[in-house]
N, C-alpha and C. Protein backbone atom coordinates (compact mmCIF):
# COMPACT_ATOMS: atom_id res chain seq x y z
N MET A 1 101.85 126.30 129.37
CA MET A 1 101.26 126.29 128.10
C MET A 1 101.22 124.79 127.59
N THR A 2 100.18 124.36 127.08
CA THR A 2 99.89 123.07 126.50
C THR A 2 100.54 123.02 125.10
N ALA A 3 101.27 121.76 124.94
CA ALA A 3 101.87 121.62 123.58
C ALA A 3 100.64 121.50 122.51
N LYS A 4 101.20 122.02 121.30
CA LYS A 4 100.21 121.95 120.23
C LYS A 4 99.96 120.42 119.93
N LYS A 5 98.75 119.96 119.64
CA LYS A 5 98.56 118.57 119.10
C LYS A 5 99.14 118.50 117.63
N ARG A 6 99.88 117.50 117.37
CA ARG A 6 100.48 117.17 116.07
C ARG A 6 99.51 116.34 115.29
N ILE A 7 99.03 116.80 114.17
CA ILE A 7 98.09 116.12 113.24
C ILE A 7 98.83 115.74 112.09
N VAL A 8 98.97 114.55 111.67
CA VAL A 8 99.56 114.08 110.54
C VAL A 8 98.51 114.10 109.42
N LEU A 9 98.83 114.54 108.26
CA LEU A 9 97.93 114.56 107.13
C LEU A 9 98.63 113.86 105.95
N SER A 10 97.78 113.01 105.13
CA SER A 10 98.34 112.19 104.13
C SER A 10 97.15 111.96 103.16
N SER A 11 97.57 111.68 101.83
CA SER A 11 96.50 111.30 100.92
C SER A 11 97.08 110.81 99.73
N ASP A 12 96.24 110.34 98.71
CA ASP A 12 96.75 109.89 97.60
C ASP A 12 96.67 111.06 96.56
N HIS A 13 96.90 110.89 95.37
CA HIS A 13 96.84 112.10 94.31
C HIS A 13 95.48 112.55 94.23
N ALA A 14 94.37 111.75 94.53
CA ALA A 14 93.03 112.30 94.34
C ALA A 14 92.71 113.34 95.32
N ALA A 15 93.40 113.62 96.34
CA ALA A 15 92.93 114.44 97.53
C ALA A 15 93.94 115.49 97.87
N ILE A 16 94.96 115.74 96.96
CA ILE A 16 95.91 116.88 97.29
C ILE A 16 95.45 118.05 97.74
N GLU A 17 94.54 118.62 96.88
CA GLU A 17 93.96 120.03 97.02
C GLU A 17 93.18 120.07 98.57
N LEU A 18 92.46 119.08 98.71
CA LEU A 18 91.60 118.98 99.86
C LEU A 18 92.42 118.91 101.19
N ARG A 19 93.51 117.99 101.05
CA ARG A 19 94.40 117.75 102.22
C ARG A 19 95.08 119.18 102.44
N GLN A 20 95.52 119.79 101.38
CA GLN A 20 96.39 121.09 101.74
C GLN A 20 95.36 122.15 102.42
N ALA A 21 94.13 122.19 101.99
CA ALA A 21 93.19 123.11 102.56
C ALA A 21 92.83 122.73 103.95
N ILE A 22 92.76 121.33 104.23
CA ILE A 22 92.61 120.97 105.67
C ILE A 22 93.82 121.36 106.41
N ALA A 23 94.99 121.15 105.94
CA ALA A 23 96.25 121.48 106.71
C ALA A 23 96.24 122.87 107.10
N LYS A 24 95.76 123.82 106.20
CA LYS A 24 95.87 125.27 106.43
C LYS A 24 94.88 125.48 107.58
N HIS A 25 93.67 124.79 107.30
CA HIS A 25 92.49 125.00 108.29
C HIS A 25 92.87 124.76 109.74
N ILE A 26 93.53 123.56 109.88
CA ILE A 26 93.89 123.14 111.19
C ILE A 26 95.19 123.96 111.81
N THR A 27 95.93 124.37 110.99
CA THR A 27 97.07 125.28 111.36
C THR A 27 96.53 126.58 111.89
N ASP A 28 95.48 127.26 111.26
CA ASP A 28 94.98 128.35 111.60
C ASP A 28 94.18 128.23 112.98
N GLN A 29 93.84 126.98 113.28
CA GLN A 29 93.23 126.67 114.67
C GLN A 29 94.12 126.47 115.62
N GLY A 30 95.45 126.43 115.40
CA GLY A 30 96.53 126.25 116.50
C GLY A 30 97.16 124.84 116.45
N TYR A 31 96.63 123.86 115.71
CA TYR A 31 97.33 122.60 115.58
C TYR A 31 98.57 122.60 114.87
N GLU A 32 99.45 121.78 115.10
CA GLU A 32 100.67 121.63 114.20
C GLU A 32 100.43 120.61 113.14
N ALA A 33 100.32 120.96 111.87
CA ALA A 33 100.02 120.01 110.80
C ALA A 33 101.30 119.46 110.16
N VAL A 34 101.37 118.11 110.33
CA VAL A 34 102.50 117.31 109.71
C VAL A 34 102.00 116.68 108.47
N ASP A 35 102.25 117.41 107.21
CA ASP A 35 101.79 117.05 105.97
C ASP A 35 102.71 116.15 105.24
N ILE A 36 102.46 114.86 105.12
CA ILE A 36 103.54 114.05 104.62
C ILE A 36 103.21 113.68 103.08
N GLY A 37 102.32 114.54 102.39
CA GLY A 37 102.25 114.49 100.98
C GLY A 37 101.24 113.60 100.53
N PRO A 38 101.09 113.45 99.18
CA PRO A 38 102.11 113.90 98.12
C PRO A 38 101.96 115.38 97.89
N THR A 39 102.86 115.92 97.02
CA THR A 39 102.84 117.38 96.74
C THR A 39 102.60 117.56 95.12
N THR A 40 102.63 116.50 94.31
CA THR A 40 102.50 116.70 92.90
C THR A 40 101.34 115.76 92.60
N PRO A 41 100.67 115.93 91.44
CA PRO A 41 99.60 115.01 91.04
C PRO A 41 99.79 113.72 90.34
N ASP A 42 101.11 113.48 90.42
CA ASP A 42 101.61 112.07 90.00
C ASP A 42 100.98 110.94 90.92
N SER A 43 100.63 109.86 90.21
CA SER A 43 99.97 108.68 90.88
C SER A 43 100.75 108.16 92.06
N VAL A 44 100.04 108.10 93.20
CA VAL A 44 100.83 107.32 94.35
C VAL A 44 99.79 106.34 94.85
N HIS A 45 100.38 105.42 95.60
CA HIS A 45 99.48 104.26 96.06
C HIS A 45 99.03 104.67 97.48
N TYR A 46 97.52 104.54 97.43
CA TYR A 46 97.01 104.88 98.83
C TYR A 46 97.30 104.08 99.91
N PRO A 47 97.65 102.76 99.80
CA PRO A 47 98.15 101.86 100.90
C PRO A 47 99.41 102.42 101.59
N SER A 48 100.37 102.89 100.74
CA SER A 48 101.50 103.43 101.18
C SER A 48 101.37 104.68 102.04
N MET A 49 100.39 105.49 101.51
CA MET A 49 100.26 106.86 102.29
C MET A 49 99.41 106.64 103.58
N GLY A 50 98.59 105.68 103.59
CA GLY A 50 97.82 105.24 104.70
C GLY A 50 98.70 104.66 105.81
N GLU A 51 99.49 103.92 105.30
CA GLU A 51 100.56 103.21 106.40
C GLU A 51 101.49 104.25 106.90
N ALA A 52 102.01 105.07 105.98
CA ALA A 52 102.97 106.11 106.56
C ALA A 52 102.18 107.12 107.56
N ALA A 53 100.95 107.32 107.43
CA ALA A 53 100.40 108.35 108.43
C ALA A 53 100.12 107.57 109.69
N ALA A 54 99.74 106.19 109.66
CA ALA A 54 99.47 105.48 110.70
C ALA A 54 100.73 105.22 111.42
N GLN A 55 101.84 105.06 110.76
CA GLN A 55 103.18 104.79 111.54
C GLN A 55 103.51 106.04 112.32
N LYS A 56 103.22 107.30 111.85
CA LYS A 56 103.55 108.46 112.69
C LYS A 56 102.75 108.44 113.97
N ILE A 57 101.62 107.95 113.97
CA ILE A 57 100.80 107.98 115.27
C ILE A 57 101.22 106.77 116.15
N ALA A 58 101.50 105.60 115.55
CA ALA A 58 101.81 104.41 116.27
C ALA A 58 103.13 104.69 116.96
N SER A 59 104.05 105.39 116.36
CA SER A 59 105.36 105.79 116.88
C SER A 59 105.33 106.82 118.01
N GLY A 60 104.28 107.50 117.96
CA GLY A 60 104.10 108.56 118.96
C GLY A 60 104.67 109.94 118.49
N ASP A 61 105.01 109.99 117.29
CA ASP A 61 105.50 111.20 116.62
C ASP A 61 104.30 112.21 116.43
N CYS A 62 102.96 111.62 116.11
CA CYS A 62 101.83 112.49 115.92
C CYS A 62 100.75 111.92 116.84
N ASP A 63 99.82 112.98 117.21
CA ASP A 63 98.80 112.56 118.05
C ASP A 63 97.66 112.06 117.49
N LEU A 64 97.17 112.66 116.31
CA LEU A 64 96.02 112.22 115.54
C LEU A 64 96.27 112.34 114.02
N GLY A 65 95.38 111.87 113.28
CA GLY A 65 95.67 111.83 111.61
C GLY A 65 94.47 112.08 110.85
N ILE A 66 94.59 112.77 109.75
CA ILE A 66 93.60 112.82 108.83
C ILE A 66 94.30 112.31 107.48
N ILE A 67 93.46 111.37 106.85
CA ILE A 67 93.93 110.81 105.65
C ILE A 67 92.73 110.72 104.59
N LEU A 68 93.13 110.88 103.25
CA LEU A 68 92.31 111.00 102.20
C LEU A 68 92.56 110.25 101.12
N CYS A 69 91.66 109.83 100.33
CA CYS A 69 91.81 109.16 99.14
C CYS A 69 90.46 109.51 98.26
N GLY A 70 90.33 108.92 97.13
CA GLY A 70 89.09 109.14 96.54
C GLY A 70 87.72 108.93 97.34
N THR A 71 87.75 107.88 97.94
CA THR A 71 86.50 107.43 98.75
C THR A 71 86.76 107.38 100.32
N GLY A 72 87.95 107.47 100.67
CA GLY A 72 88.39 107.36 101.95
C GLY A 72 88.58 105.97 102.58
N GLN A 73 88.00 105.04 101.69
CA GLN A 73 87.99 103.61 102.14
C GLN A 73 89.22 102.84 102.02
N GLY A 74 89.88 102.96 100.85
CA GLY A 74 91.16 102.22 100.65
C GLY A 74 92.23 102.67 101.70
N ILE A 75 92.53 103.81 101.77
CA ILE A 75 93.49 104.42 102.58
C ILE A 75 93.19 104.10 104.12
N MET A 76 91.75 104.09 104.54
CA MET A 76 91.55 103.68 105.89
C MET A 76 91.89 102.22 106.05
N MET A 77 91.57 101.32 105.14
CA MET A 77 91.85 99.87 105.24
C MET A 77 93.43 99.69 105.54
N ALA A 78 94.21 100.52 104.62
CA ALA A 78 95.66 100.48 104.92
C ALA A 78 96.19 100.81 106.30
N ALA A 79 95.58 101.96 106.76
CA ALA A 79 95.86 102.62 108.08
C ALA A 79 95.57 101.64 109.26
N ASN A 80 94.37 100.94 109.08
CA ASN A 80 93.96 99.98 110.16
C ASN A 80 94.88 98.63 110.29
N LYS A 81 95.65 98.57 109.27
CA LYS A 81 96.57 97.29 109.31
C LYS A 81 97.69 97.62 110.31
N VAL A 82 97.99 98.80 110.65
CA VAL A 82 99.15 99.08 111.63
C VAL A 82 98.64 98.96 112.90
N LYS A 83 99.43 98.12 113.67
CA LYS A 83 99.04 97.66 115.06
C LYS A 83 98.74 98.92 115.96
N GLY A 84 97.70 98.90 116.67
CA GLY A 84 97.26 100.03 117.49
C GLY A 84 96.45 101.16 117.04
N ILE A 85 96.20 100.98 115.67
CA ILE A 85 95.39 102.00 114.95
C ILE A 85 94.09 101.78 114.81
N ARG A 86 93.35 102.89 115.07
CA ARG A 86 91.77 102.71 114.89
C ARG A 86 91.52 103.98 113.90
N CYS A 87 90.91 103.68 112.78
CA CYS A 87 90.59 104.76 111.73
C CYS A 87 89.21 104.51 111.21
N GLY A 88 88.52 105.52 111.05
CA GLY A 88 87.15 105.27 110.50
C GLY A 88 86.98 106.24 109.35
N VAL A 89 86.14 105.94 108.27
CA VAL A 89 85.70 106.85 107.31
C VAL A 89 84.56 107.72 107.72
N CYS A 90 84.55 108.91 107.58
CA CYS A 90 83.29 109.74 107.95
C CYS A 90 83.00 110.72 106.75
N ASN A 91 81.79 110.74 106.63
CA ASN A 91 81.20 111.46 105.49
C ASN A 91 80.29 112.58 106.01
N GLU A 92 80.15 112.61 107.43
CA GLU A 92 79.25 113.55 108.10
C GLU A 92 79.84 113.76 109.44
N THR A 93 79.30 114.73 110.26
CA THR A 93 79.93 115.06 111.59
C THR A 93 79.57 114.14 112.64
N PHE A 94 78.52 113.68 112.56
CA PHE A 94 78.00 112.70 113.78
C PHE A 94 79.01 111.55 113.95
N SER A 95 79.31 110.82 112.83
CA SER A 95 80.17 109.67 112.70
C SER A 95 81.69 110.28 113.24
N ALA A 96 82.02 111.48 112.84
CA ALA A 96 83.44 111.82 113.24
C ALA A 96 83.43 112.02 114.66
N LYS A 97 82.44 112.47 115.31
CA LYS A 97 82.36 112.81 116.83
C LYS A 97 82.44 111.40 117.53
N MET A 98 81.67 110.33 116.91
CA MET A 98 81.51 109.18 117.57
C MET A 98 82.69 108.19 117.42
N ILE A 99 83.49 108.41 116.38
CA ILE A 99 84.72 107.60 116.21
C ILE A 99 85.67 108.06 117.39
N ARG A 100 85.70 109.23 117.73
CA ARG A 100 86.43 109.68 118.77
C ARG A 100 85.99 109.33 120.01
N ALA A 101 84.66 109.70 120.30
CA ALA A 101 84.07 109.55 121.63
C ALA A 101 83.96 108.18 122.14
N HIS A 102 83.57 107.35 121.20
CA HIS A 102 83.14 105.85 121.48
C HIS A 102 84.24 104.82 121.27
N ASN A 103 84.94 105.24 120.08
CA ASN A 103 85.96 104.23 119.43
C ASN A 103 87.39 104.55 119.82
N ASP A 104 87.61 105.76 120.33
CA ASP A 104 89.04 106.38 120.50
C ASP A 104 89.86 106.34 119.15
N ALA A 105 89.28 106.53 118.10
CA ALA A 105 89.90 106.56 116.80
C ALA A 105 91.09 107.64 116.80
N GLN A 106 92.09 107.27 116.29
CA GLN A 106 93.16 108.28 116.22
C GLN A 106 93.29 109.04 114.86
N ILE A 107 92.48 108.35 113.77
CA ILE A 107 92.65 108.83 112.42
C ILE A 107 91.33 108.91 111.83
N LEU A 108 91.14 109.98 111.19
CA LEU A 108 89.92 110.25 110.51
C LEU A 108 90.24 110.03 108.97
N SER A 109 89.46 109.30 108.23
CA SER A 109 89.49 109.22 106.75
C SER A 109 88.31 109.76 105.98
N MET A 110 88.64 110.49 104.96
CA MET A 110 87.56 110.84 104.24
C MET A 110 87.74 110.77 102.70
N GLY A 111 86.88 110.88 101.85
CA GLY A 111 86.84 110.76 100.43
C GLY A 111 86.76 112.08 99.64
N ALA A 112 87.70 112.39 98.98
CA ALA A 112 87.76 113.72 98.28
C ALA A 112 86.80 113.69 97.07
N ARG A 113 86.31 112.55 96.69
CA ARG A 113 85.34 112.45 95.64
C ARG A 113 83.90 112.30 96.41
N VAL A 114 83.86 112.36 97.64
CA VAL A 114 82.56 112.11 98.31
C VAL A 114 82.09 113.44 99.09
N VAL A 115 83.03 114.18 99.82
CA VAL A 115 82.75 115.37 100.56
C VAL A 115 83.46 116.53 99.86
N GLY A 116 82.69 117.71 99.84
CA GLY A 116 83.31 119.00 99.44
C GLY A 116 84.02 119.63 100.53
N LEU A 117 84.76 120.76 100.22
CA LEU A 117 85.61 121.47 101.23
C LEU A 117 84.84 121.94 102.33
N GLY A 118 83.63 122.46 102.24
CA GLY A 118 82.94 122.98 103.53
C GLY A 118 82.63 121.88 104.44
N LEU A 119 82.09 120.70 103.88
CA LEU A 119 81.68 119.60 104.78
C LEU A 119 82.95 118.94 105.34
N ALA A 120 83.97 118.84 104.59
CA ALA A 120 85.21 118.15 105.00
C ALA A 120 85.73 119.07 106.20
N LEU A 121 85.77 120.35 106.34
CA LEU A 121 86.12 121.10 107.35
C LEU A 121 85.27 120.93 108.51
N GLU A 122 83.99 120.93 108.35
CA GLU A 122 82.99 120.57 109.46
C GLU A 122 83.39 119.26 110.15
N ILE A 123 83.60 118.22 109.27
CA ILE A 123 83.90 116.94 109.92
C ILE A 123 85.26 116.97 110.56
N VAL A 124 86.37 117.53 110.13
CA VAL A 124 87.49 117.68 110.60
C VAL A 124 87.36 118.44 111.94
N ASP A 125 86.55 119.50 112.15
CA ASP A 125 86.51 120.11 113.41
C ASP A 125 85.84 119.35 114.27
N ALA A 126 84.71 118.42 114.00
CA ALA A 126 84.02 117.58 114.85
C ALA A 126 84.96 116.43 115.34
N PHE A 127 85.79 115.93 114.47
CA PHE A 127 86.74 114.82 114.93
C PHE A 127 87.86 115.36 115.98
N LEU A 128 88.38 116.60 115.61
CA LEU A 128 89.37 117.13 116.44
C LEU A 128 88.92 117.75 117.80
N SER A 129 87.70 118.12 117.79
CA SER A 129 87.21 118.76 119.00
C SER A 129 86.48 117.74 120.08
N THR A 130 86.55 116.39 119.70
CA THR A 130 85.81 115.49 120.48
C THR A 130 86.88 114.59 121.20
N GLU A 131 86.82 114.29 122.46
CA GLU A 131 87.55 113.53 123.30
C GLU A 131 87.00 112.12 123.54
N PHE A 132 87.82 111.14 123.71
CA PHE A 132 87.32 109.79 124.12
C PHE A 132 86.61 109.80 125.57
N GLU A 133 85.42 109.18 125.45
CA GLU A 133 84.59 109.24 126.79
C GLU A 133 85.03 108.05 127.71
N GLY A 134 85.77 107.03 127.26
CA GLY A 134 86.13 106.06 128.19
C GLY A 134 85.02 105.30 128.71
N GLY A 135 85.05 104.82 130.10
CA GLY A 135 83.91 104.09 130.48
C GLY A 135 83.64 102.86 129.88
N ARG A 136 82.38 102.55 129.58
CA ARG A 136 82.03 101.36 129.00
C ARG A 136 82.71 101.25 127.44
N HIS A 137 82.91 102.28 126.94
CA HIS A 137 83.67 102.38 125.60
C HIS A 137 85.22 101.97 125.76
N GLY A 138 85.63 102.23 126.93
CA GLY A 138 87.00 101.80 127.10
C GLY A 138 87.21 100.28 127.15
N LEU A 139 86.24 99.63 127.67
CA LEU A 139 86.15 98.12 127.55
C LEU A 139 86.22 97.60 126.17
N ARG A 140 85.28 98.22 125.24
CA ARG A 140 85.08 97.73 123.94
C ARG A 140 86.36 98.06 123.16
N VAL A 141 86.93 99.24 123.43
CA VAL A 141 88.19 99.34 122.62
C VAL A 141 89.41 98.55 123.09
N ASP A 142 89.34 98.18 124.30
CA ASP A 142 90.27 97.03 124.89
C ASP A 142 90.08 95.76 124.17
N MET A 143 88.66 95.47 123.92
CA MET A 143 88.50 94.27 123.27
C MET A 143 89.11 94.22 121.71
N ILE A 144 88.91 95.35 120.92
CA ILE A 144 89.51 95.54 119.87
C ILE A 144 91.04 95.35 119.85
N LYS A 145 91.51 96.08 120.81
CA LYS A 145 93.12 95.94 121.06
C LYS A 145 93.57 94.58 121.06
N ALA A 146 92.63 93.82 121.93
CA ALA A 146 93.06 92.30 122.22
C ALA A 146 93.11 91.55 120.93
N MET A 147 92.27 91.87 119.90
CA MET A 147 92.45 91.13 118.67
C MET A 147 93.76 91.18 118.00
N GLU A 148 94.46 92.24 118.16
CA GLU A 148 95.72 92.37 117.48
C GLU A 148 96.80 91.49 118.12
N ASP A 149 96.67 90.80 119.29
CA ASP A 149 97.69 90.07 119.87
C ASP A 149 97.49 88.64 119.46
């Protein structure tokens, strides 16, 4: 039996409800949701939440991640500061597939003030169901990795 993929989920206060709905959705699909919060509507800083999720992946504790803030942009910028992490903001399914297939992104970022629940779940499904293609894309990902050294 194949081990369940562990998916870390994180957000700021603007995206709690959407994050929790996504956690339920992916759990229902057989993934293990590692929801690191927050759980209350008190203001939290998206850079801290993005970094925390990215560290879960960089350490090998989780396989992939889904992070959210109001626009998805700020939390994505924070996650991308963690060495080895590739995260992209997606507001539609095509980009969600491509950041996995061509960029080997480990984290999907979305904006709770940009996408509604139905579209968000479609984007999540596109991201999680797509594998990295390798080949010529592997060389390009290696070029990105080399920039970190």
